[in-house]
Structure formats: structure tokens, C-alpha cells
């Protein structure tokens, strides 16, 4: 199953280049037959082939071919982390609201509230300026 997915993603990436397969094979130093065997799914693309295509065509996403994730495709993970930050902020806000008048000091603050606030602030700063 995984092999079939890799073959499919390789064919997708080659098609996105908009260049004839024989031209690609010639430019990267592979025989037309070897390249055809890979593009038609008879063989899996090797590391050398992926590297040569990536070097010649920077828009070719070898990471996507191998893993199924595009370069910079961290949107799911980023969304999860942002949701975590928002949840922690809500928790800290509730804790701080319950203990009004308690200083922001680990020795007198609600156990863990200061640490949660610090972590939440740190995570938020780490993602400032990012889209999503």
C-alpha cells in the first residue's frame, strides 16, 4: 500500500513540473527507460533519483513523494498547538479569576498557575507572526 502511494505521489510531482519525461531523464542523467519504469510505477523512485530531480527542479517536492507531507505543511500540527495554547490560556484565566488578590509568585500563587501561564506565553511567542 505504502509503495503504491509513493509511486502515485511521484507521478503527481512529475506531472506538476510540466516537463516531458524524456527531457527530465536526460537533464538528470538517467536513461529514458529507467525513468519511464519509475514514472509508470514499475519501480519505486530511489534516493539518488529524487535528489537529482530536486536539485534540477527545486519545485519538485521529494519530501511529499516519500512522506505524503508537503514542505512546510505543518498546518495540522500548528492548529493543534494553537488550540492547546488557547485552552491553557482559558484555564489560567479561570484560575487567576478564582484567586484574585493572589500575587504572581510561585510560593503563594495557585499551585501550577504561574508555570502554566509562563508556558502559555512562551508557546504563544513561538508562533507569533505565523499564518494560521
N, C-alpha and C. Protein backbone atom coordinates (compact mmCIF):
# COMPACT_ATOMS: atom_id res chain seq x y z
N UNK A 1 0.83 -1.20 0.00
CA UNK A 1 0.00 0.00 0.00
C UNK A 1 0.87 1.26 0.00
N UNK A 2 1.82 1.32 0.93
CA UNK A 2 2.69 2.50 1.03
C UNK A 2 3.48 2.70 -0.27
N UNK A 3 3.94 1.60 -0.85
CA UNK A 3 4.70 1.69 -2.10
C UNK A 3 3.84 2.30 -3.20
N UNK A 4 2.60 1.89 -3.26
CA UNK A 4 1.69 2.42 -4.28
C UNK A 4 1.46 3.92 -4.10
N UNK A 5 1.35 4.34 -2.84
CA UNK A 5 1.16 5.76 -2.55
C UNK A 5 2.38 6.57 -2.98
N UNK A 6 3.57 6.04 -2.72
CA UNK A 6 4.81 6.73 -3.12
C UNK A 6 4.86 6.86 -4.64
N UNK A 7 4.55 5.78 -5.33
CA UNK A 7 4.55 5.81 -6.80
C UNK A 7 3.55 6.85 -7.32
N UNK A 8 2.38 6.89 -6.71
CA UNK A 8 1.35 7.84 -7.12
C UNK A 8 1.81 9.28 -6.89
N UNK A 9 2.38 9.55 -5.72
CA UNK A 9 2.84 10.91 -5.41
C UNK A 9 4.01 11.32 -6.32
N UNK A 10 4.87 10.36 -6.66
CA UNK A 10 5.97 10.66 -7.58
C UNK A 10 5.41 11.09 -8.93
N UNK A 11 4.45 10.34 -9.44
CA UNK A 11 3.83 10.67 -10.73
C UNK A 11 3.17 12.05 -10.67
N UNK A 12 2.52 12.37 -9.55
CA UNK A 12 1.89 13.69 -9.39
C UNK A 12 2.93 14.80 -9.48
N UNK A 13 4.03 14.62 -8.77
CA UNK A 13 5.07 15.66 -8.75
C UNK A 13 5.71 15.84 -10.12
N UNK A 14 5.93 14.75 -10.82
CA UNK A 14 6.49 14.84 -12.18
C UNK A 14 5.53 15.59 -13.09
N UNK A 15 4.25 15.29 -12.99
CA UNK A 15 3.24 15.97 -13.82
C UNK A 15 3.21 17.47 -13.51
N UNK A 16 3.36 17.83 -12.23
CA UNK A 16 3.34 19.25 -11.85
C UNK A 16 4.50 20.04 -12.45
N UNK A 17 5.59 19.35 -12.76
CA UNK A 17 6.74 20.05 -13.35
C UNK A 17 6.41 20.58 -14.74
N UNK A 18 5.53 19.89 -15.46
CA UNK A 18 5.14 20.34 -16.79
C UNK A 18 6.26 20.19 -17.82
N UNK A 19 7.14 19.24 -17.58
CA UNK A 19 8.27 19.00 -18.48
C UNK A 19 8.15 17.56 -18.98
N UNK A 20 8.53 17.34 -20.24
CA UNK A 20 8.47 15.99 -20.79
C UNK A 20 9.38 15.06 -19.99
N UNK A 21 8.90 13.84 -19.81
CA UNK A 21 9.65 12.86 -19.01
C UNK A 21 11.03 12.57 -19.60
N UNK A 22 11.10 12.48 -20.92
CA UNK A 22 12.41 12.23 -21.56
C UNK A 22 13.38 13.38 -21.30
N UNK A 23 12.86 14.59 -21.28
CA UNK A 23 13.70 15.77 -21.00
C UNK A 23 14.23 15.70 -19.58
N UNK A 24 13.36 15.36 -18.64
CA UNK A 24 13.80 15.25 -17.24
C UNK A 24 14.88 14.19 -17.13
N UNK A 25 14.63 13.01 -17.71
CA UNK A 25 15.60 11.91 -17.64
C UNK A 25 16.95 12.34 -18.18
N UNK A 26 16.93 13.01 -19.32
CA UNK A 26 18.17 13.46 -19.95
C UNK A 26 18.89 14.49 -19.07
N UNK A 27 18.15 15.44 -18.51
CA UNK A 27 18.76 16.50 -17.71
C UNK A 27 19.36 16.00 -16.41
N UNK A 28 18.81 14.92 -15.86
CA UNK A 28 19.35 14.42 -14.59
C UNK A 28 20.31 13.25 -14.78
N UNK A 29 20.51 12.83 -16.03
CA UNK A 29 21.49 11.78 -16.32
C UNK A 29 20.98 10.36 -16.11
N UNK A 30 19.69 10.15 -16.26
CA UNK A 30 19.11 8.81 -16.17
C UNK A 30 18.67 8.38 -17.56
N UNK A 31 18.70 7.08 -17.81
CA UNK A 31 18.21 6.61 -19.11
C UNK A 31 16.70 6.80 -19.17
N UNK A 32 16.21 6.99 -20.37
CA UNK A 32 14.78 7.20 -20.55
C UNK A 32 14.00 5.98 -20.05
N UNK A 33 14.54 4.77 -20.29
CA UNK A 33 13.85 3.54 -19.88
C UNK A 33 13.77 3.44 -18.35
N UNK A 34 14.88 3.73 -17.67
CA UNK A 34 14.89 3.68 -16.20
C UNK A 34 13.88 4.67 -15.63
N UNK A 35 13.89 5.87 -16.19
CA UNK A 35 12.97 6.90 -15.71
C UNK A 35 11.52 6.52 -15.99
N UNK A 36 11.26 5.94 -17.16
CA UNK A 36 9.92 5.50 -17.52
C UNK A 36 9.43 4.41 -16.56
N UNK A 37 10.33 3.50 -16.20
CA UNK A 37 9.95 2.43 -15.25
C UNK A 37 9.47 3.01 -13.93
N UNK A 38 10.08 4.10 -13.51
CA UNK A 38 9.67 4.72 -12.25
C UNK A 38 8.38 5.52 -12.44
N UNK A 39 8.31 6.31 -13.51
CA UNK A 39 7.12 7.15 -13.70
C UNK A 39 5.87 6.32 -13.97
N UNK A 40 6.04 5.14 -14.53
CA UNK A 40 4.88 4.27 -14.78
C UNK A 40 4.59 3.33 -13.61
N UNK A 41 5.35 3.46 -12.54
CA UNK A 41 5.06 2.71 -11.34
C UNK A 41 5.61 1.30 -11.28
N UNK A 42 6.49 0.94 -12.22
CA UNK A 42 7.09 -0.39 -12.16
C UNK A 42 8.13 -0.48 -11.05
N UNK A 43 8.83 0.62 -10.82
CA UNK A 43 9.86 0.68 -9.78
C UNK A 43 9.59 1.87 -8.86
N UNK A 44 10.07 1.75 -7.64
CA UNK A 44 10.00 2.89 -6.72
C UNK A 44 11.11 3.88 -7.05
N UNK A 45 10.87 5.16 -6.87
CA UNK A 45 11.95 6.13 -7.08
C UNK A 45 12.99 5.98 -5.96
N UNK A 46 14.25 5.96 -6.34
CA UNK A 46 15.33 5.85 -5.36
C UNK A 46 15.76 7.22 -4.86
N UNK A 47 16.58 7.19 -3.83
CA UNK A 47 17.06 8.43 -3.22
C UNK A 47 17.87 9.24 -4.22
N UNK A 48 18.73 8.59 -4.99
CA UNK A 48 19.55 9.30 -5.97
C UNK A 48 18.67 10.00 -7.01
N UNK A 49 17.67 9.30 -7.50
CA UNK A 49 16.75 9.89 -8.48
C UNK A 49 16.03 11.09 -7.89
N UNK A 50 15.47 10.93 -6.69
CA UNK A 50 14.76 12.03 -6.04
C UNK A 50 15.67 13.23 -5.83
N UNK A 51 16.89 12.96 -5.39
CA UNK A 51 17.84 14.04 -5.14
C UNK A 51 18.19 14.79 -6.43
N UNK A 52 18.42 14.05 -7.49
CA UNK A 52 18.78 14.70 -8.76
C UNK A 52 17.62 15.54 -9.31
N UNK A 53 16.41 15.03 -9.19
CA UNK A 53 15.26 15.80 -9.67
C UNK A 53 15.09 17.05 -8.81
N UNK A 54 15.21 16.89 -7.49
CA UNK A 54 15.07 18.03 -6.57
C UNK A 54 16.12 19.11 -6.87
N UNK A 55 17.35 18.69 -7.15
CA UNK A 55 18.41 19.66 -7.46
C UNK A 55 18.15 20.38 -8.77
N UNK A 56 17.64 19.66 -9.76
CA UNK A 56 17.40 20.28 -11.07
C UNK A 56 16.11 21.09 -11.09
N UNK A 57 15.10 20.61 -10.37
CA UNK A 57 13.79 21.26 -10.33
C UNK A 57 13.42 21.53 -8.87
N UNK A 58 13.79 22.68 -8.34
CA UNK A 58 13.54 22.98 -6.92
C UNK A 58 12.06 22.91 -6.51
N UNK A 59 11.14 23.04 -7.46
CA UNK A 59 9.72 22.96 -7.09
C UNK A 59 9.27 21.51 -6.86
N UNK A 60 10.09 20.56 -7.27
CA UNK A 60 9.78 19.14 -7.05
C UNK A 60 9.91 18.86 -5.56
N UNK A 61 8.86 18.35 -4.96
CA UNK A 61 8.82 18.13 -3.51
C UNK A 61 9.07 16.66 -3.18
N UNK A 62 10.35 16.31 -3.02
CA UNK A 62 10.69 14.92 -2.72
C UNK A 62 10.18 14.51 -1.34
N UNK A 63 10.06 15.47 -0.44
CA UNK A 63 9.51 15.17 0.89
C UNK A 63 8.07 14.67 0.75
N UNK A 64 7.31 15.31 -0.11
CA UNK A 64 5.92 14.88 -0.36
C UNK A 64 5.89 13.48 -0.96
N UNK A 65 6.78 13.22 -1.90
CA UNK A 65 6.81 11.90 -2.54
C UNK A 65 7.01 10.80 -1.49
N UNK A 66 7.95 11.02 -0.59
CA UNK A 66 8.30 9.98 0.38
C UNK A 66 7.33 9.91 1.55
N UNK A 67 6.95 11.06 2.10
CA UNK A 67 6.16 11.07 3.34
C UNK A 67 4.68 11.39 3.16
N UNK A 68 4.34 12.01 2.05
CA UNK A 68 2.96 12.44 1.85
C UNK A 68 2.68 13.81 2.44
N UNK A 69 3.70 14.44 3.01
CA UNK A 69 3.55 15.79 3.58
C UNK A 69 4.37 16.77 2.76
N UNK A 70 3.73 17.86 2.42
CA UNK A 70 4.42 18.88 1.64
C UNK A 70 5.36 19.68 2.52
N UNK A 71 6.36 20.29 1.90
CA UNK A 71 7.28 21.16 2.63
C UNK A 71 6.47 22.24 3.33
N UNK A 72 6.75 22.45 4.59
CA UNK A 72 6.06 23.49 5.33
C UNK A 72 4.61 23.16 5.64
N UNK A 73 4.24 21.92 5.42
CA UNK A 73 2.85 21.53 5.68
C UNK A 73 2.69 21.12 7.14
N UNK A 74 2.71 22.11 8.01
CA UNK A 74 2.57 21.83 9.43
C UNK A 74 1.26 22.41 9.96
N UNK A 75 0.32 22.63 9.04
CA UNK A 75 -0.91 23.30 9.42
C UNK A 75 -1.71 22.52 10.47
N UNK A 76 -1.76 21.20 10.36
CA UNK A 76 -2.50 20.41 11.34
C UNK A 76 -1.82 20.50 12.71
N UNK A 77 -0.51 20.34 12.71
CA UNK A 77 0.23 20.41 13.98
C UNK A 77 0.13 21.81 14.57
N UNK A 78 0.25 22.81 13.73
CA UNK A 78 0.16 24.19 14.20
C UNK A 78 -1.23 24.48 14.77
N UNK A 79 -2.26 24.00 14.12
CA UNK A 79 -3.62 24.20 14.63
C UNK A 79 -3.77 23.53 15.99
N UNK A 80 -3.26 22.33 16.13
CA UNK A 80 -3.33 21.62 17.41
C UNK A 80 -2.63 22.42 18.51
N UNK A 81 -1.43 22.92 18.22
CA UNK A 81 -0.68 23.68 19.22
C UNK A 81 -1.38 24.98 19.59
N UNK A 82 -1.97 25.65 18.60
CA UNK A 82 -2.70 26.88 18.89
C UNK A 82 -3.91 26.59 19.77
N UNK A 83 -4.60 25.49 19.49
CA UNK A 83 -5.73 25.10 20.32
C UNK A 83 -5.28 24.82 21.75
N UNK A 84 -4.13 24.18 21.88
CA UNK A 84 -3.57 23.91 23.22
C UNK A 84 -3.29 25.21 23.96
N UNK A 85 -2.69 26.17 23.27
CA UNK A 85 -2.39 27.46 23.90
C UNK A 85 -3.68 28.14 24.35
N UNK A 86 -4.68 28.15 23.49
CA UNK A 86 -5.95 28.78 23.85
C UNK A 86 -6.60 28.08 25.04
N UNK A 87 -6.52 26.77 25.09
CA UNK A 87 -7.06 26.03 26.21
C UNK A 87 -6.32 26.38 27.50
N UNK A 88 -5.01 26.44 27.42
CA UNK A 88 -4.22 26.78 28.61
C UNK A 88 -4.50 28.20 29.06
N UNK A 89 -4.66 29.10 28.13
CA UNK A 89 -5.00 30.48 28.50
C UNK A 89 -6.33 30.53 29.25
N UNK A 90 -7.29 29.77 28.74
CA UNK A 90 -8.61 29.75 29.39
C UNK A 90 -8.50 29.18 30.80
N UNK A 91 -7.72 28.13 30.97
CA UNK A 91 -7.53 27.54 32.29
C UNK A 91 -6.87 28.53 33.23
N UNK A 92 -5.80 29.16 32.77
CA UNK A 92 -5.10 30.14 33.61
C UNK A 92 -6.01 31.29 33.95
N UNK A 93 -6.78 31.74 32.99
CA UNK A 93 -7.70 32.85 33.23
C UNK A 93 -8.70 32.49 34.32
N UNK A 94 -9.23 31.27 34.25
CA UNK A 94 -10.17 30.83 35.29
C UNK A 94 -9.49 30.73 36.64
N UNK A 95 -8.27 30.19 36.66
CA UNK A 95 -7.54 30.06 37.92
C UNK A 95 -7.24 31.43 38.52
N UNK A 96 -6.79 32.34 37.69
CA UNK A 96 -6.46 33.68 38.17
C UNK A 96 -7.73 34.36 38.67
N UNK A 97 -8.85 34.15 37.98
CA UNK A 97 -10.11 34.75 38.40
C UNK A 97 -10.59 34.22 39.74
N UNK A 98 -10.33 32.96 40.02
CA UNK A 98 -10.75 32.37 41.29
C UNK A 98 -9.93 32.88 42.46
N UNK A 99 -8.71 33.22 42.20
CA UNK A 99 -7.80 33.59 43.27
C UNK A 99 -7.36 35.04 43.14
N UNK A 100 -8.31 35.93 42.95
CA UNK A 100 -8.00 37.36 42.84
C UNK A 100 -7.31 37.81 44.11
N UNK A 101 -6.33 38.65 43.93
CA UNK A 101 -5.58 39.15 45.07
C UNK A 101 -4.35 38.32 45.37
N UNK A 102 -4.25 37.14 44.77
CA UNK A 102 -3.06 36.32 44.97
C UNK A 102 -2.00 36.82 44.01
N UNK A 103 -0.82 37.01 44.50
CA UNK A 103 0.25 37.56 43.66
C UNK A 103 0.74 36.54 42.65
N UNK A 104 1.40 37.04 41.63
CA UNK A 104 2.01 36.19 40.61
C UNK A 104 3.37 35.76 41.15
N UNK A 105 3.34 34.87 42.09
CA UNK A 105 4.56 34.40 42.73
C UNK A 105 4.39 32.92 43.01
N UNK A 106 5.34 32.07 42.58
CA UNK A 106 5.16 30.63 42.70
C UNK A 106 4.91 30.15 44.13
N UNK A 107 5.40 30.86 45.13
CA UNK A 107 5.25 30.39 46.50
C UNK A 107 3.87 30.68 47.08
N UNK A 108 3.16 31.67 46.53
CA UNK A 108 1.84 32.00 47.06
C UNK A 108 0.75 31.86 46.01
N UNK A 109 1.12 31.65 44.76
CA UNK A 109 0.15 31.51 43.69
C UNK A 109 -0.46 30.11 43.73
N UNK A 110 -1.61 29.96 43.09
CA UNK A 110 -2.22 28.65 42.98
C UNK A 110 -1.20 27.71 42.35
N UNK A 111 -1.03 26.54 42.94
CA UNK A 111 -0.02 25.59 42.51
C UNK A 111 -0.12 25.33 41.00
N UNK A 112 0.93 25.66 40.28
CA UNK A 112 1.00 25.39 38.85
C UNK A 112 0.48 26.50 37.96
N UNK A 113 -0.26 27.47 38.49
CA UNK A 113 -0.83 28.52 37.64
C UNK A 113 0.26 29.36 36.99
N UNK A 114 1.28 29.72 37.77
CA UNK A 114 2.37 30.52 37.22
C UNK A 114 3.10 29.78 36.11
N UNK A 115 3.36 28.50 36.37
CA UNK A 115 4.06 27.70 35.37
C UNK A 115 3.23 27.56 34.10
N UNK A 116 1.92 27.37 34.27
CA UNK A 116 1.05 27.26 33.10
C UNK A 116 1.02 28.56 32.32
N UNK A 117 0.98 29.67 33.02
CA UNK A 117 0.97 30.97 32.36
C UNK A 117 2.28 31.19 31.61
N UNK A 118 3.40 30.88 32.26
CA UNK A 118 4.71 31.03 31.61
C UNK A 118 4.78 30.18 30.35
N UNK A 119 4.34 28.93 30.43
CA UNK A 119 4.40 28.04 29.28
C UNK A 119 3.49 28.55 28.16
N UNK A 120 2.33 29.00 28.52
CA UNK A 120 1.38 29.51 27.54
C UNK A 120 1.95 30.73 26.82
N UNK A 121 2.55 31.63 27.57
CA UNK A 121 3.15 32.83 26.98
C UNK A 121 4.30 32.44 26.06
N UNK A 122 5.13 31.49 26.49
CA UNK A 122 6.28 31.06 25.70
C UNK A 122 5.80 30.44 24.38
N UNK A 123 4.81 29.57 24.45
CA UNK A 123 4.29 28.93 23.23
C UNK A 123 3.70 29.97 22.30
N UNK A 124 2.96 30.92 22.83
CA UNK A 124 2.36 31.97 22.01
C UNK A 124 3.44 32.78 21.29
N UNK A 125 4.51 33.14 21.99
CA UNK A 125 5.59 33.90 21.36
C UNK A 125 6.27 33.10 20.27
N UNK A 126 6.36 31.80 20.45
CA UNK A 126 6.99 30.94 19.46
C UNK A 126 6.22 30.94 18.15
N UNK A 127 4.90 31.17 18.20
CA UNK A 127 4.08 31.11 17.00
C UNK A 127 3.65 32.48 16.50
N UNK A 128 4.10 33.54 17.12
CA UNK A 128 3.74 34.89 16.65
C UNK A 128 4.28 35.11 15.25
N UNK A 129 3.52 35.74 14.43
CA UNK A 129 3.96 36.07 13.08
C UNK A 129 3.70 34.98 12.06
N UNK A 130 3.29 33.79 12.52
CA UNK A 130 2.99 32.71 11.58
C UNK A 130 1.56 32.86 11.11
N UNK A 131 1.32 32.41 9.88
CA UNK A 131 -0.05 32.37 9.39
C UNK A 131 -0.73 31.18 10.04
N UNK A 132 -2.04 31.20 10.10
CA UNK A 132 -2.89 30.14 10.68
C UNK A 132 -3.19 30.51 12.08
